[in-house]
Amino acid sequence: MANKETIVVTGASGQLGRLVLKELVARAPQARIVGVLRNPAKAQDLAALGVELRAGDYEDPASLSAAFAGADKVLLISSNELGKRTPQHLNVIAAAKAAGVKLLAYTSVLHADDSALNLAGEHRETEAALRASGLPFVLLRNGWYTENYTAGAKAAVDHGAVLGSAGQGKIASAARADYAAAAAAVLTSTEDQAGKVYELAGDTAYTLADYAAELARQSGRPVVYKDLPETDYRGILESVGLPAGLAALLAESDVKASKGALFGDGATLHRLIGRPTTPLAASVAAALA
C-alpha cells in the first residue's frame, strides 16, 4: 500500500466507526487515516491516535465534499437514522464519486438482497445506488451484533429473564470488533476489492435460550428465556425507554430471527479477520464485567 494512501471512515464517533479507525491505525501506520463525524471535538481520543478528524454530516453534501477531499478509499458506515438512510447514503455516494474515490466500502446487512428484515430495505436501496453510481465498491454485509443482546445482559441477570420474540431461531452474531476488523482488512487489502460482496456472520449460532443459559452459567444466578408475542415485546422495549421506531425494529427482527433471518455462515468473516469470531461466552463475560 502506498504511503500516501488516504482512507476515510464516516460515522467516526460511533461504536463501529471508532473500532474500525483503531484497527486501521494499527494495520496501516503509513496511511493517512481520516475520521468523518458531525463534531470532531467529540473524538479527541481518536485524534490522539493519529486519526485526522474532519467535520461531515450525511445530510450536508457540501460538508461531505470537503471531508472526502483527497480520499482514495471511503468506508460508508450506514446511518442509524432509520427511514432517512437512503437519501443520506446517496449524499455520501455522490460526494465520493465527485472526489474520485477509488473504492467505496459499505456496511450493509447479511443477505441484503433477499433478507426478510424490514431494515434490509434501505440497505438494498443503497446497494442499488452504488451499482448505478459507477463507483468501484465493495459490500460488507454485516450480520447481527452480539452487543445487540449483551447490552442488556446485566438487566437480564437482575430480572432473571431474557425477553424476546425469536423462538428457537438460530442467531449467528459476532462482536462489533469482529466486523470492524473485517472492514479494516478489506480497506487495507492489496487485492482488488471492487465488486466483492462479503456475507459476514459469527462462527457459531445460538438461540436466545442458549444466551440465557450462558448468562446463568457465568452469573451463577437463574436466568431463563421468555418468548413473547411481537406486540408484547415491542411494548416492553418502549416501556424501558427505547424510541417507538427502534423498539418496533428490534421486535420485528426477533420475529424474523425465529425464521432464520439472523443465521449465516461464519466462514467468510473468520477468513477475513484471520481468527475465530468472538465466542458468545467472551461477549457475555465482557458485558457482565
Protein backbone atom coordinates (compact mmCIF):
# COMPACT_ATOMS: atom_id res chain seq x y z
CA MET A 1 0.00 0.00 0.00
CA ALA A 2 1.25 3.43 -0.97
CA ASN A 3 2.46 5.54 1.93
CA LYS A 4 0.22 8.44 0.98
CA GLU A 5 -3.00 6.47 0.60
CA THR A 6 -5.88 8.22 2.34
CA ILE A 7 -8.60 6.09 3.92
CA VAL A 8 -11.73 7.88 5.14
CA VAL A 9 -14.26 6.42 7.58
CA THR A 10 -17.66 8.02 8.11
CA GLY A 11 -19.54 7.76 11.40
CA ALA A 12 -16.21 8.07 13.17
CA SER A 13 -17.63 8.72 16.63
CA GLY A 14 -19.98 5.72 16.53
CA GLN A 15 -19.29 2.40 18.20
CA LEU A 16 -18.31 0.66 14.95
CA GLY A 17 -16.51 3.67 13.47
CA ARG A 18 -14.19 4.06 16.44
CA LEU A 19 -13.23 0.38 16.29
CA VAL A 20 -12.57 0.49 12.54
CA LEU A 21 -10.34 3.56 12.89
CA LYS A 22 -8.30 1.97 15.66
CA GLU A 23 -7.85 -1.15 13.51
CA LEU A 24 -6.75 0.97 10.55
CA VAL A 25 -4.19 2.86 12.63
CA ALA A 26 -2.72 -0.48 13.71
CA ARG A 27 -2.83 -2.11 10.26
CA ALA A 28 -1.77 0.81 8.07
CA PRO A 29 0.62 3.04 10.03
CA GLN A 30 1.89 4.72 6.86
CA ALA A 31 -1.57 5.61 5.55
CA ARG A 32 -3.47 8.82 6.17
CA ILE A 33 -6.45 7.76 8.26
CA VAL A 34 -9.37 10.18 8.35
CA GLY A 35 -12.47 10.04 10.52
CA VAL A 36 -15.57 11.97 9.47
CA LEU A 37 -18.17 12.99 12.07
CA ARG A 38 -20.51 15.84 12.83
CA ASN A 39 -18.49 17.18 15.76
CA PRO A 40 -14.74 16.42 15.71
CA ALA A 41 -14.45 17.72 19.29
CA LYS A 42 -16.22 14.55 20.43
CA ALA A 43 -13.45 12.25 19.20
CA GLN A 44 -10.23 13.70 20.52
CA ASP A 45 -9.26 10.22 21.72
CA LEU A 46 -9.02 9.25 18.05
CA ALA A 47 -7.02 12.36 17.22
CA ALA A 48 -4.55 11.32 19.90
CA LEU A 49 -4.03 8.05 17.99
CA GLY A 50 -3.13 9.95 14.82
CA VAL A 51 -6.54 9.96 13.14
CA GLU A 52 -7.26 13.14 11.20
CA LEU A 53 -10.75 14.35 12.09
CA ARG A 54 -12.96 16.18 9.60
CA ALA A 55 -16.46 17.58 10.05
CA GLY A 56 -19.08 15.92 7.87
CA ASP A 57 -22.82 15.30 8.04
CA TYR A 58 -24.76 12.79 5.94
CA GLU A 59 -27.40 15.47 5.33
CA ASP A 60 -24.93 18.20 4.31
CA PRO A 61 -23.47 17.42 0.86
CA ALA A 62 -21.05 20.36 1.00
CA SER A 63 -19.53 19.10 4.24
CA LEU A 64 -19.09 15.64 2.72
CA SER A 65 -17.33 17.08 -0.35
CA ALA A 66 -14.82 18.80 1.93
CA ALA A 67 -14.45 15.73 4.15
CA PHE A 68 -13.65 13.46 1.20
CA ALA A 69 -11.00 15.71 -0.37
CA GLY A 70 -8.03 13.58 -1.40
CA ALA A 71 -9.68 10.31 -0.35
CA ASP A 72 -8.53 7.11 -2.03
CA LYS A 73 -10.93 4.84 -0.15
CA VAL A 74 -14.07 5.59 1.85
CA LEU A 75 -15.93 3.39 4.30
CA LEU A 76 -19.59 4.38 4.45
CA ILE A 77 -20.89 3.17 7.79
CA SER A 78 -24.63 3.01 7.40
CA SER A 79 -26.59 5.74 9.13
CA ASN A 80 -28.51 4.90 12.30
CA GLU A 81 -31.40 7.19 11.35
CA LEU A 82 -33.97 4.65 10.22
CA GLY A 83 -36.17 5.94 7.44
CA LYS A 84 -33.59 8.54 6.44
CA ARG A 85 -30.77 6.22 5.49
CA THR A 86 -31.25 6.07 1.73
CA PRO A 87 -31.13 9.82 0.99
CA GLN A 88 -28.25 10.25 3.45
CA HIS A 89 -26.30 7.44 1.80
CA LEU A 90 -26.99 8.91 -1.64
CA ASN A 91 -25.31 12.12 -0.47
CA VAL A 92 -22.23 10.14 0.56
CA ILE A 93 -22.11 8.24 -2.71
CA ALA A 94 -22.37 11.45 -4.74
CA ALA A 95 -19.63 13.13 -2.72
CA ALA A 96 -17.36 10.10 -3.03
CA LYS A 97 -17.85 10.00 -6.80
CA ALA A 98 -17.13 13.72 -7.12
CA ALA A 99 -13.95 13.23 -5.08
CA GLY A 100 -12.74 10.48 -7.43
CA VAL A 101 -12.67 7.83 -4.71
CA LYS A 102 -11.11 4.58 -5.95
CA LEU A 103 -13.10 2.29 -3.63
CA LEU A 104 -16.22 2.81 -1.51
CA ALA A 105 -16.94 0.15 1.09
CA TYR A 106 -20.45 -0.01 2.56
CA THR A 107 -21.68 -1.70 5.74
CA SER A 108 -24.86 -3.39 4.56
CA VAL A 109 -26.81 -6.23 6.21
CA LEU A 110 -26.41 -10.00 5.95
CA HIS A 111 -28.07 -11.42 2.80
CA ALA A 112 -29.39 -7.94 1.97
CA ASP A 113 -30.70 -8.96 -1.44
CA ASP A 114 -33.22 -11.43 -0.01
CA SER A 115 -33.34 -10.65 3.71
CA ALA A 116 -36.79 -10.65 5.31
CA LEU A 117 -35.75 -7.99 7.83
CA ASN A 118 -37.57 -4.68 7.46
CA LEU A 119 -34.29 -2.84 7.96
CA ALA A 120 -32.88 -4.52 4.84
CA GLY A 121 -34.95 -2.33 2.53
CA GLU A 122 -32.79 0.77 2.89
CA HIS A 123 -29.67 -1.36 2.52
CA ARG A 124 -30.99 -2.78 -0.76
CA GLU A 125 -31.72 0.74 -1.98
CA THR A 126 -28.19 1.84 -1.08
CA GLU A 127 -26.64 -1.17 -2.79
CA ALA A 128 -28.66 -0.40 -5.92
CA ALA A 129 -27.45 3.21 -5.82
CA LEU A 130 -23.87 2.03 -5.56
CA ARG A 131 -24.29 -0.20 -8.60
CA ALA A 132 -25.78 2.68 -10.57
CA SER A 133 -23.11 5.15 -9.48
CA GLY A 134 -20.23 3.74 -11.49
CA LEU A 135 -18.03 3.88 -8.38
CA PRO A 136 -15.84 0.88 -7.55
CA PHE A 137 -17.45 -0.53 -4.40
CA VAL A 138 -17.35 -3.46 -2.00
CA LEU A 139 -20.22 -4.64 0.20
CA LEU A 140 -19.65 -5.64 3.81
CA ARG A 141 -22.91 -7.35 4.65
CA ASN A 142 -22.72 -7.45 8.43
CA GLY A 143 -24.77 -9.89 10.45
CA TRP A 144 -26.21 -9.17 13.88
CA TYR A 145 -24.01 -7.64 16.55
CA THR A 146 -23.77 -9.77 19.70
CA GLU A 147 -23.87 -6.48 21.61
CA ASN A 148 -27.48 -6.06 20.47
CA TYR A 149 -28.23 -8.64 23.15
CA THR A 150 -25.37 -8.32 25.64
CA ALA A 151 -26.06 -4.60 26.12
CA GLY A 152 -28.92 -5.81 28.32
CA ALA A 153 -27.00 -8.64 29.99
CA LYS A 154 -26.86 -7.16 33.49
CA ALA A 155 -30.56 -6.26 33.44
CA ALA A 156 -31.42 -9.78 32.28
CA VAL A 157 -29.46 -11.27 35.17
CA ASP A 158 -31.09 -8.89 37.65
CA HIS A 159 -34.57 -9.83 36.43
CA GLY A 160 -33.79 -13.50 35.86
CA ALA A 161 -35.02 -13.42 32.29
CA VAL A 162 -34.07 -12.71 28.69
CA LEU A 163 -37.09 -11.40 26.81
CA GLY A 164 -37.59 -11.69 23.08
CA SER A 165 -39.65 -12.99 20.18
CA ALA A 166 -37.05 -15.13 18.42
CA GLY A 167 -38.42 -18.54 19.40
CA GLN A 168 -35.83 -21.21 18.63
CA GLY A 169 -34.28 -19.20 15.80
CA LYS A 170 -30.51 -19.51 15.45
CA ILE A 171 -28.56 -16.25 15.61
CA ALA A 172 -25.08 -16.21 14.04
CA SER A 173 -23.94 -12.95 15.58
CA ALA A 174 -20.41 -11.65 16.02
CA ALA A 175 -18.87 -8.95 18.18
CA ARG A 176 -18.74 -5.43 16.79
CA ALA A 177 -14.94 -5.66 16.96
CA ASP A 178 -15.03 -8.63 14.57
CA TYR A 179 -16.90 -6.64 11.93
CA ALA A 180 -14.55 -3.69 12.47
CA ALA A 181 -11.54 -5.94 11.89
CA ALA A 182 -13.11 -7.22 8.68
CA ALA A 183 -13.71 -3.70 7.38
CA ALA A 184 -10.12 -2.74 8.12
CA ALA A 185 -8.84 -5.89 6.44
CA VAL A 186 -10.76 -5.09 3.26
CA LEU A 187 -9.72 -1.43 3.24
CA THR A 188 -6.03 -2.29 3.64
CA SER A 189 -6.00 -5.33 1.34
CA THR A 190 -3.55 -5.34 -1.56
CA GLU A 191 -6.11 -7.29 -3.61
CA ASP A 192 -8.68 -5.55 -5.80
CA GLN A 193 -11.86 -5.41 -3.73
CA ALA A 194 -14.14 -3.74 -6.27
CA GLY A 195 -17.27 -5.76 -6.91
CA LYS A 196 -16.83 -8.12 -3.99
CA VAL A 197 -19.69 -8.97 -1.62
CA TYR A 198 -18.85 -10.32 1.82
CA GLU A 199 -21.59 -12.11 3.79
CA LEU A 200 -20.36 -11.72 7.37
CA ALA A 201 -21.61 -13.69 10.38
CA GLY A 202 -20.30 -15.37 13.51
CA ASP A 203 -18.73 -18.81 13.58
CA THR A 204 -21.27 -20.28 16.00
CA ALA A 205 -25.02 -19.71 16.12
CA TYR A 206 -27.15 -19.79 19.26
CA THR A 207 -30.75 -19.38 20.35
CA LEU A 208 -31.87 -16.83 22.92
CA ALA A 209 -32.42 -19.77 25.27
CA ASP A 210 -28.73 -20.60 24.80
CA TYR A 211 -27.89 -16.98 25.55
CA ALA A 212 -29.96 -17.03 28.74
CA ALA A 213 -28.23 -20.25 29.80
CA GLU A 214 -24.82 -18.62 29.29
CA LEU A 215 -25.87 -15.65 31.41
CA ALA A 216 -26.96 -18.06 34.13
CA ARG A 217 -23.73 -20.04 33.93
CA GLN A 218 -21.49 -17.00 34.23
CA SER A 219 -23.53 -15.11 36.82
CA GLY A 220 -24.38 -18.09 38.98
CA ARG A 221 -27.98 -16.88 39.06
CA PRO A 222 -31.11 -18.31 37.41
CA VAL A 223 -31.84 -16.76 34.01
CA VAL A 224 -34.42 -18.12 31.58
CA TYR A 225 -35.62 -17.11 28.14
CA LYS A 226 -39.22 -15.90 27.88
CA ASP A 227 -40.58 -15.88 24.34
CA LEU A 228 -43.21 -13.19 23.81
CA PRO A 229 -45.60 -12.14 21.05
CA GLU A 230 -44.10 -9.35 18.92
CA THR A 231 -46.52 -6.69 20.19
CA ASP A 232 -45.79 -7.54 23.84
CA TYR A 233 -42.04 -7.45 23.32
CA ARG A 234 -42.25 -4.16 21.44
CA GLY A 235 -44.28 -2.66 24.28
CA ILE A 236 -41.72 -3.74 26.86
CA LEU A 237 -38.89 -2.21 24.84
CA GLU A 238 -40.79 1.06 24.64
CA SER A 239 -41.52 0.94 28.36
CA VAL A 240 -37.80 0.88 29.18
CA GLY A 241 -37.18 3.98 27.09
CA LEU A 242 -36.45 2.83 23.54
CA PRO A 243 -37.89 5.05 20.79
CA ALA A 244 -41.00 3.52 19.24
CA GLY A 245 -39.34 3.03 15.85
CA LEU A 246 -36.33 1.25 17.28
CA ALA A 247 -38.48 -0.90 19.56
CA ALA A 248 -40.59 -1.95 16.58
CA LEU A 249 -37.50 -2.76 14.53
CA LEU A 250 -35.91 -4.89 17.26
CA ALA A 251 -39.12 -6.78 17.93
CA GLU A 252 -39.69 -7.39 14.22
CA SER A 253 -36.09 -8.52 13.79
CA ASP A 254 -36.54 -11.03 16.61
CA VAL A 255 -39.63 -12.47 14.94
CA LYS A 256 -37.76 -12.75 11.64
CA ALA A 257 -34.86 -14.38 13.54
CA SER A 258 -37.26 -17.15 14.51
CA LYS A 259 -37.48 -17.86 10.77
CA GLY A 260 -33.74 -17.80 10.12
CA ALA A 261 -33.14 -14.16 9.18
CA LEU A 262 -30.17 -13.78 11.57
CA PHE A 263 -28.46 -17.04 10.66
CA GLY A 264 -25.39 -17.18 8.45
CA ASP A 265 -22.14 -18.99 7.74
CA GLY A 266 -19.23 -17.53 9.71
CA ALA A 267 -16.52 -18.82 7.37
CA THR A 268 -16.14 -15.56 5.43
CA LEU A 269 -15.78 -13.33 8.50
CA HIS A 270 -13.41 -15.82 10.12
CA ARG A 271 -11.26 -15.86 6.98
CA LEU A 272 -11.19 -12.08 6.60
CA ILE A 273 -10.04 -11.40 10.16
CA GLY A 274 -7.68 -14.37 10.30
CA ARG A 275 -9.07 -15.73 13.57
CA PRO A 276 -12.26 -17.22 15.01
CA THR A 277 -15.05 -14.75 15.67
CA THR A 278 -15.58 -13.72 19.29
CA PRO A 279 -17.45 -16.51 21.15
CA LEU A 280 -20.76 -15.71 22.83
CA ALA A 281 -19.20 -16.61 26.19
CA ALA A 282 -16.49 -13.98 25.77
CA SER A 283 -19.04 -11.29 24.86
CA VAL A 284 -21.17 -12.21 27.87
CA ALA A 285 -18.13 -12.09 30.15
CA ALA A 286 -17.26 -8.62 28.90
CA ALA A 287 -20.83 -7.42 29.39
CA LEU A 288 -21.03 -8.74 32.94
CA ALA A 289 -17.60 -7.49 33.99
